[in-house]
């Protein structure tokens, strides 16, 4: 069996503890009116503790679909599996048949499943891309869909940030959609309904998220100066982002808005600046032997329930058709055609899934691996 009695005991013990923690550290307001019956829970994804926040709404255990990366720790991975038994999902596969079968097994055992369809936390405050496969999964489970909205997370704990800011958060059920109401629904119609029920306007949710370091580590998301066009010249300190090349000085305020005395600077939010960078990546010309981005990295092989194998420190380079990592005399070539997927992990890591092997890279504290992931998918699509 997938669903164990111990999971109910774990929830009963830790649920009130987490609720107190969220109340005092995150100023989180939890609106509990969750159904007690088996269901499929779908939520937007904003903070690192979203699963615990969503779980605090429910008295029954939720079985979360989680990336296999969660289990790549010798002790912690085994402990998590024992306590809550998440449903492993390979990020290297768009549709992981094993994960789908596990979801169906949990549903048949009358368990409740929780999925964050975006797959990754938002970096801009807007809803991320959601694969349409979520529609087929929802119909195959034959369970009511419970839509949960987490509001204020982007201001309280932005993915690129360092510490929790003082503001206000809310976690609540937005709506419940019975299975009979969507079983005969057109797939596109159900997909649009899912999108609308998960969309949260975090940029206008609350007026102030106070911190002395609002802008710190924005380089993890932003890499291009919109004034001089130079890459990797942005430097953050406290509430300010500066360009070391042209002198652009931008303040990131408590209301999640930019402010600058430079009349040429037109962006209001991180979302605006991020989209400008996506346009830059889309304009890259295909030149096979020209280095697009380069950074110092540590390359490792993560393993399930075991220590990572450290391959060494070297230089990561992105070309229009491949990644290379040079460690001394050893050169690792990762051709785009051989890469199943590239994922942005946490705040400053990237995984490449190549021929059933996972390669993970991490670098400096302000390293930007998001640009590599975005560039990979844009360049691969062009080719």
Protein backbone atom coordinates (compact mmCIF):
# COMPACT_ATOMS: atom_id res chain seq x y z
CA UNK A 1 0.00 0.00 0.00
CA UNK A 2 1.03 3.59 -0.68
CA UNK A 3 -1.09 5.22 2.03
CA UNK A 4 0.06 4.29 5.52
CA UNK A 5 -1.41 4.91 8.97
CA UNK A 6 1.82 6.58 10.06
CA UNK A 7 1.22 9.36 7.53
CA UNK A 8 -1.94 10.36 9.41
CA UNK A 9 0.02 10.37 12.68
CA UNK A 10 2.76 12.55 11.17
CA UNK A 11 0.18 15.06 9.91
CA UNK A 12 -1.62 15.15 13.26
CA UNK A 13 1.64 15.91 15.08
CA UNK A 14 3.26 18.41 12.73
CA UNK A 15 0.25 20.27 11.29
CA UNK A 16 -0.33 22.54 14.34
CA UNK A 17 3.43 23.16 14.64
CA UNK A 18 3.69 24.32 11.04
CA UNK A 19 0.61 26.51 11.36
CA UNK A 20 2.19 28.36 14.30
CA UNK A 21 5.49 28.71 12.45
CA UNK A 22 3.80 30.16 9.37
CA UNK A 23 1.70 32.53 11.44
CA UNK A 24 4.63 34.13 13.24
CA UNK A 25 7.39 33.98 10.61
CA UNK A 26 5.38 34.48 7.39
CA UNK A 27 2.32 36.29 8.78
CA UNK A 28 0.34 33.60 6.97
CA UNK A 29 -3.42 33.51 7.22
CA UNK A 30 -4.77 30.01 6.61
CA UNK A 31 -8.43 29.67 5.68
CA UNK A 32 -9.40 26.10 6.50
CA UNK A 33 -12.53 24.78 4.86
CA UNK A 34 -10.97 21.82 3.08
CA UNK A 35 -12.99 18.75 2.11
CA UNK A 36 -12.25 15.60 4.09
CA UNK A 37 -12.77 13.22 1.18
CA UNK A 38 -10.17 12.05 -1.31
CA UNK A 39 -9.36 14.71 -3.91
CA UNK A 40 -6.80 16.17 -6.30
CA UNK A 41 -5.31 19.39 -4.94
CA UNK A 42 -3.79 21.87 -7.39
CA UNK A 43 -1.94 24.99 -6.21
CA UNK A 44 0.22 27.77 -7.54
CA UNK A 45 3.89 27.56 -6.47
CA UNK A 46 5.54 30.56 -4.80
CA UNK A 47 7.71 29.67 -1.77
CA UNK A 48 9.95 26.80 -0.71
CA UNK A 49 7.44 25.76 1.97
CA UNK A 50 4.31 25.73 -0.20
CA UNK A 51 3.65 22.00 0.40
CA UNK A 52 3.50 22.58 4.16
CA UNK A 53 1.30 25.64 3.74
CA UNK A 54 -1.15 23.78 1.52
CA UNK A 55 -1.00 20.78 3.84
CA UNK A 56 -2.07 22.94 6.77
CA UNK A 57 -5.47 23.34 5.07
CA UNK A 58 -6.21 19.63 5.24
CA UNK A 59 -6.63 17.23 8.11
CA UNK A 60 -5.90 14.18 5.95
CA UNK A 61 -2.42 13.47 4.52
CA UNK A 62 -1.63 14.87 1.09
CA UNK A 63 0.61 12.86 -1.20
CA UNK A 64 2.68 15.42 -3.09
CA UNK A 65 4.07 14.89 -6.55
CA UNK A 66 7.71 15.83 -6.02
CA UNK A 67 10.82 16.00 -8.14
CA UNK A 68 13.27 13.12 -7.81
CA UNK A 69 15.79 15.77 -6.75
CA UNK A 70 14.08 15.73 -3.35
CA UNK A 71 15.35 12.19 -2.78
CA UNK A 72 18.96 12.88 -3.75
CA UNK A 73 20.18 12.99 -0.17
CA UNK A 74 21.43 9.96 1.71
CA UNK A 75 19.55 10.51 5.00
CA UNK A 76 16.97 13.23 4.34
CA UNK A 77 15.60 11.52 1.23
CA UNK A 78 14.88 8.29 3.11
CA UNK A 79 13.35 10.20 6.04
CA UNK A 80 10.98 12.15 3.77
CA UNK A 81 9.92 8.96 2.01
CA UNK A 82 9.20 7.26 5.36
CA UNK A 83 7.26 10.17 6.87
CA UNK A 84 5.10 11.36 3.96
CA UNK A 85 5.94 9.13 0.94
CA UNK A 86 5.78 11.72 -1.88
CA UNK A 87 5.11 10.64 -5.46
CA UNK A 88 8.45 10.84 -7.33
CA UNK A 89 8.41 12.67 -10.67
CA UNK A 90 11.27 12.61 -13.14
CA UNK A 91 11.86 16.15 -14.41
CA UNK A 92 13.66 14.63 -17.37
CA UNK A 93 10.38 13.31 -18.78
CA UNK A 94 7.42 15.45 -19.81
CA UNK A 95 5.03 12.64 -19.01
CA UNK A 96 6.40 10.27 -16.38
CA UNK A 97 4.33 7.08 -16.66
CA UNK A 98 5.57 5.80 -13.29
CA UNK A 99 4.41 8.98 -11.54
CA UNK A 100 0.99 8.74 -13.22
CA UNK A 101 0.61 5.12 -12.13
CA UNK A 102 1.58 6.10 -8.58
CA UNK A 103 -1.08 8.85 -8.56
CA UNK A 104 -3.71 6.37 -9.71
CA UNK A 105 -2.63 3.94 -6.98
CA UNK A 106 -2.95 6.63 -4.30
CA UNK A 107 -6.40 7.60 -5.63
CA UNK A 108 -7.56 3.98 -5.55
CA UNK A 109 -6.46 3.79 -1.92
CA UNK A 110 -8.67 6.83 -1.25
CA UNK A 111 -5.70 9.11 -0.70
CA UNK A 112 -5.50 12.79 -1.64
CA UNK A 113 -2.90 13.97 -4.15
CA UNK A 114 -1.34 17.44 -4.28
CA UNK A 115 0.40 18.79 -7.38
CA UNK A 116 2.01 22.14 -8.15
CA UNK A 117 1.45 22.08 -11.94
CA UNK A 118 4.01 24.82 -12.64
CA UNK A 119 6.70 22.39 -11.53
CA UNK A 120 8.91 25.24 -10.32
CA UNK A 121 8.46 28.26 -8.08
CA UNK A 122 7.70 31.51 -9.85
CA UNK A 123 10.64 33.89 -10.31
CA UNK A 124 8.53 36.86 -11.44
CA UNK A 125 5.36 36.74 -9.32
CA UNK A 126 3.32 35.53 -12.28
CA UNK A 127 1.98 32.02 -12.91
CA UNK A 128 4.54 29.87 -14.69
CA UNK A 129 4.04 27.49 -17.61
CA UNK A 130 1.68 24.57 -16.96
CA UNK A 131 1.86 21.48 -19.15
CA UNK A 132 -1.46 20.35 -20.62
CA UNK A 133 -0.86 16.79 -19.40
CA UNK A 134 -2.38 17.89 -16.08
CA UNK A 135 -5.81 17.71 -17.76
CA UNK A 136 -5.49 14.02 -18.69
CA UNK A 137 -4.17 13.19 -15.23
CA UNK A 138 -7.08 14.97 -13.52
CA UNK A 139 -9.61 13.06 -15.62
CA UNK A 140 -7.89 9.71 -15.06
CA UNK A 141 -7.97 10.11 -11.25
CA UNK A 142 -11.76 10.67 -11.23
CA UNK A 143 -11.53 12.84 -8.12
CA UNK A 144 -12.83 16.35 -7.37
CA UNK A 145 -10.26 19.09 -7.99
CA UNK A 146 -9.55 21.45 -5.10
CA UNK A 147 -7.88 24.68 -6.25
CA UNK A 148 -5.63 26.36 -3.66
CA UNK A 149 -4.20 29.87 -3.97
CA UNK A 150 -1.13 31.07 -2.10
CA UNK A 151 -0.98 34.85 -2.09
CA UNK A 152 1.84 37.15 -1.00
CA UNK A 153 4.60 34.56 -1.31
CA UNK A 154 6.48 36.42 -4.03
CA UNK A 155 6.81 39.46 -1.78
CA UNK A 156 7.48 37.50 1.40
CA UNK A 157 9.99 34.98 0.05
CA UNK A 158 11.02 35.66 -3.55
CA UNK A 159 12.84 32.73 -5.07
CA UNK A 160 15.94 34.77 -5.80
CA UNK A 161 16.00 36.39 -2.33
CA UNK A 162 17.93 35.54 0.79
CA UNK A 163 15.56 36.01 3.73
CA UNK A 164 11.86 36.21 4.56
CA UNK A 165 10.45 39.76 4.33
CA UNK A 166 7.81 41.29 6.60
CA UNK A 167 4.49 41.39 4.80
CA UNK A 168 1.32 39.35 4.60
CA UNK A 169 0.45 35.96 3.11
CA UNK A 170 -2.70 33.97 2.63
CA UNK A 171 -3.33 30.31 1.80
CA UNK A 172 -6.91 29.41 0.98
CA UNK A 173 -9.11 27.18 -1.15
CA UNK A 174 -10.32 29.11 -4.17
CA UNK A 175 -12.86 26.61 -5.46
CA UNK A 176 -13.81 22.93 -5.61
CA UNK A 177 -14.67 21.32 -8.94
CA UNK A 178 -16.58 17.99 -8.62
CA UNK A 179 -15.56 15.21 -10.99
CA UNK A 180 -19.02 15.04 -12.56
CA UNK A 181 -18.69 18.70 -13.53
CA UNK A 182 -15.55 18.20 -15.63
CA UNK A 183 -15.45 14.54 -16.71
CA UNK A 184 -17.13 15.37 -20.04
CA UNK A 185 -15.52 18.78 -20.40
CA UNK A 186 -13.40 19.56 -23.44
CA UNK A 187 -9.68 19.27 -22.60
CA UNK A 188 -8.90 22.83 -23.66
CA UNK A 189 -11.82 24.14 -21.64
CA UNK A 190 -10.66 22.30 -18.52
CA UNK A 191 -7.09 23.51 -19.08
CA UNK A 192 -8.27 27.13 -19.26
CA UNK A 193 -10.32 26.58 -16.10
CA UNK A 194 -7.25 25.25 -14.28
CA UNK A 195 -5.19 28.25 -15.39
CA UNK A 196 -7.81 30.75 -14.28
CA UNK A 197 -8.20 29.10 -10.86
CA UNK A 198 -4.45 29.04 -10.21
CA UNK A 199 -3.70 32.57 -11.40
CA UNK A 200 -2.79 34.92 -8.54
CA UNK A 201 -1.84 38.59 -8.86
CA UNK A 202 0.98 38.59 -6.33
CA UNK A 203 2.32 41.92 -7.60
CA UNK A 204 -0.79 43.72 -6.35
CA UNK A 205 -1.79 41.54 -3.40
CA UNK A 206 -0.27 43.61 -0.59
CA UNK A 207 1.21 47.10 -0.45
CA UNK A 208 4.44 46.52 1.49
CA UNK A 209 6.99 43.75 2.06
CA UNK A 210 9.64 45.31 4.28
CA UNK A 211 13.29 44.33 4.13
CA UNK A 212 16.71 45.97 4.28
CA UNK A 213 17.78 43.74 1.39
CA UNK A 214 14.91 43.89 -1.08
CA UNK A 215 17.17 43.70 -4.13
CA UNK A 216 19.86 41.37 -2.78
CA UNK A 217 20.70 38.56 -5.24
CA UNK A 218 18.41 39.78 -8.00
CA UNK A 219 21.32 38.81 -10.27
CA UNK A 220 20.06 35.22 -9.85
CA UNK A 221 17.21 36.25 -12.17
CA UNK A 222 18.49 39.40 -13.94
CA UNK A 223 21.63 39.31 -16.08
CA UNK A 224 21.24 42.00 -18.75
CA UNK A 225 21.38 45.78 -18.32
CA UNK A 226 18.51 47.37 -20.31
CA UNK A 227 20.44 50.63 -20.78
CA UNK A 228 23.89 49.58 -22.05
CA UNK A 229 22.95 46.03 -23.06
CA UNK A 230 25.89 44.44 -21.24
CA UNK A 231 25.52 41.02 -19.61
CA UNK A 232 26.80 40.04 -16.17
CA UNK A 233 27.49 43.61 -15.10
CA UNK A 234 24.60 43.91 -12.63
CA UNK A 235 25.43 44.07 -8.94
CA UNK A 236 22.90 44.05 -6.09
CA UNK A 237 23.35 45.49 -2.62
CA UNK A 238 20.58 45.97 -0.06
CA UNK A 239 17.71 47.66 -1.99
CA UNK A 240 19.75 48.69 -5.04
CA UNK A 241 20.69 47.07 -8.34
CA UNK A 242 23.55 48.74 -10.21
CA UNK A 243 25.16 48.24 -13.59
CA UNK A 244 28.93 48.34 -13.17
CA UNK A 245 29.36 49.24 -16.85
CA UNK A 246 27.03 52.22 -17.43
CA UNK A 247 26.20 53.24 -13.85
CA UNK A 248 22.47 52.48 -13.97
CA UNK A 249 21.10 52.71 -10.42
CA UNK A 250 17.71 51.08 -9.66
CA UNK A 251 15.92 50.80 -6.34
CA UNK A 252 13.64 47.84 -5.61
CA UNK A 253 10.94 49.10 -3.25
CA UNK A 254 8.76 47.42 -0.62
CA UNK A 255 5.82 47.48 -3.05
CA UNK A 256 7.73 45.16 -5.45
CA UNK A 257 8.27 48.00 -7.93
CA UNK A 258 11.46 49.45 -9.40
CA UNK A 259 12.39 53.12 -9.13
CA UNK A 260 15.18 54.91 -11.00
CA UNK A 261 16.29 58.45 -11.84
CA UNK A 262 17.41 57.22 -15.25
CA UNK A 263 14.72 58.29 -17.70
CA UNK A 264 15.66 55.49 -20.08
CA UNK A 265 14.78 52.83 -17.52
CA UNK A 266 11.16 51.83 -18.18
CA UNK A 267 10.61 48.64 -16.18
CA UNK A 268 8.23 48.57 -13.25
CA UNK A 269 8.54 44.96 -12.04
CA UNK A 270 10.85 41.95 -12.12
CA UNK A 271 8.35 40.45 -14.57
CA UNK A 272 8.98 43.33 -17.04
CA UNK A 273 12.77 43.05 -16.79
CA UNK A 274 12.62 39.25 -17.09
CA UNK A 275 10.55 39.44 -20.29
CA UNK A 276 13.08 41.89 -21.77
CA UNK A 277 15.75 39.23 -21.20
CA UNK A 278 13.61 36.55 -22.85
CA UNK A 279 13.41 38.81 -25.92
CA UNK A 280 17.21 39.08 -25.88
CA UNK A 281 17.56 35.30 -25.75
CA UNK A 282 15.13 34.95 -28.64
CA UNK A 283 17.30 37.30 -30.70
CA UNK A 284 20.47 35.19 -30.34
CA UNK A 285 21.87 34.21 -33.71
CA UNK A 286 22.83 30.58 -34.30
CA UNK A 287 26.64 30.56 -34.30
CA UNK A 288 27.89 27.14 -33.25
CA UNK A 289 31.35 28.15 -32.05
CA UNK A 290 30.49 31.38 -30.28
CA UNK A 291 30.28 31.27 -26.48
CA UNK A 292 26.99 32.84 -25.36
CA UNK A 293 27.39 32.58 -21.55
CA UNK A 294 30.21 31.40 -19.31
CA UNK A 295 30.48 30.84 -15.55
CA UNK A 296 32.60 29.06 -12.96
CA UNK A 297 30.78 25.98 -11.65
CA UNK A 298 31.10 22.84 -9.61
CA UNK A 299 29.87 19.76 -11.50
CA UNK A 300 28.38 16.80 -9.63
CA UNK A 301 26.34 13.65 -10.25
CA UNK A 302 23.39 13.50 -7.80
CA UNK A 303 22.19 9.99 -6.82
CA UNK A 304 19.03 8.71 -5.16
CA UNK A 305 19.48 8.26 -1.40
CA UNK A 306 23.26 8.55 -1.78
CA UNK A 307 25.95 11.21 -1.64
CA UNK A 308 26.61 13.22 -4.77
CA UNK A 309 29.67 12.34 -6.83
CA UNK A 310 31.77 15.49 -7.20
CA UNK A 311 33.32 15.66 -10.66
CA UNK A 312 35.22 18.89 -9.99
CA UNK A 313 35.31 22.65 -10.44
CA UNK A 314 35.54 24.15 -13.89
CA UNK A 315 34.09 26.48 -16.52
CA UNK A 316 30.58 26.12 -17.90
CA UNK A 317 30.06 27.47 -21.42
CA UNK A 318 26.88 27.71 -23.45
CA UNK A 319 26.99 27.48 -27.25
CA UNK A 320 24.05 27.55 -29.64
CA UNK A 321 23.96 23.73 -29.79
CA UNK A 322 25.58 22.46 -26.59
CA UNK A 323 26.85 23.00 -23.07
CA UNK A 324 30.47 22.28 -22.18
CA UNK A 325 32.08 22.02 -18.76
CA UNK A 326 35.88 22.10 -18.75
CA UNK A 327 37.55 20.71 -15.62
CA UNK A 328 41.31 20.71 -16.10
CA UNK A 329 42.03 18.50 -19.11
CA UNK A 330 38.57 16.91 -18.96
CA UNK A 331 35.84 18.37 -21.19
CA UNK A 332 32.22 17.34 -20.72
CA UNK A 333 30.14 17.97 -23.84
CA UNK A 334 26.35 18.02 -23.54
CA UNK A 335 24.79 18.29 -27.00
CA UNK A 336 21.25 19.67 -27.02
CA UNK A 337 20.05 16.60 -28.94
CA UNK A 338 21.16 14.36 -26.07
CA UNK A 339 19.67 16.47 -23.26
CA UNK A 340 16.22 15.27 -22.16
CA UNK A 341 15.63 18.35 -20.00
CA UNK A 342 17.32 21.24 -18.22
CA UNK A 343 15.89 22.49 -14.94
CA UNK A 344 16.53 25.44 -12.65
CA UNK A 345 16.76 24.22 -9.04
CA UNK A 346 16.35 26.24 -5.87
CA UNK A 347 18.10 29.57 -6.09
CA UNK A 348 21.43 28.82 -7.78
CA UNK A 349 21.58 25.33 -9.29
CA UNK A 350 20.91 23.72 -12.65
CA UNK A 351 20.35 20.09 -13.62
CA UNK A 352 20.96 18.56 -17.04
CA UNK A 353 19.38 15.17 -17.70
CA UNK A 354 21.51 13.35 -20.28
CA UNK A 355 21.09 9.69 -21.30
CA UNK A 356 19.55 8.74 -17.93
CA UNK A 357 22.34 10.50 -16.01
CA UNK A 358 21.80 13.68 -13.98
CA UNK A 359 24.47 16.36 -14.03
CA UNK A 360 24.09 19.17 -11.51
CA UNK A 361 25.93 22.51 -11.53
CA UNK A 362 26.18 25.21 -8.92
CA UNK A 363 28.38 28.24 -8.58
CA UNK A 364 28.79 31.54 -6.75
CA UNK A 365 26.17 32.78 -4.30
CA UNK A 366 24.73 35.15 -6.92
CA UNK A 367 25.08 32.77 -9.88
CA UNK A 368 22.37 32.97 -12.55
CA UNK A 369 21.51 29.54 -13.93
CA UNK A 370 18.03 30.56 -14.98
CA UNK A 371 19.46 32.22 -18.10
CA UNK A 372 21.05 28.91 -19.14
CA UNK A 373 17.78 26.99 -18.80
CA UNK A 374 15.79 29.61 -20.73
CA UNK A 375 18.45 29.88 -23.42
CA UNK A 376 18.59 26.09 -23.80
CA UNK A 377 14.89 25.75 -24.58
CA UNK A 378 14.85 28.79 -26.86
CA UNK A 379 17.91 27.66 -28.84
CA UNK A 380 16.75 24.06 -29.03
CA UNK A 381 13.40 25.17 -30.39
CA UNK A 382 15.15 27.31 -33.02
CA UNK A 383 17.23 24.35 -34.17
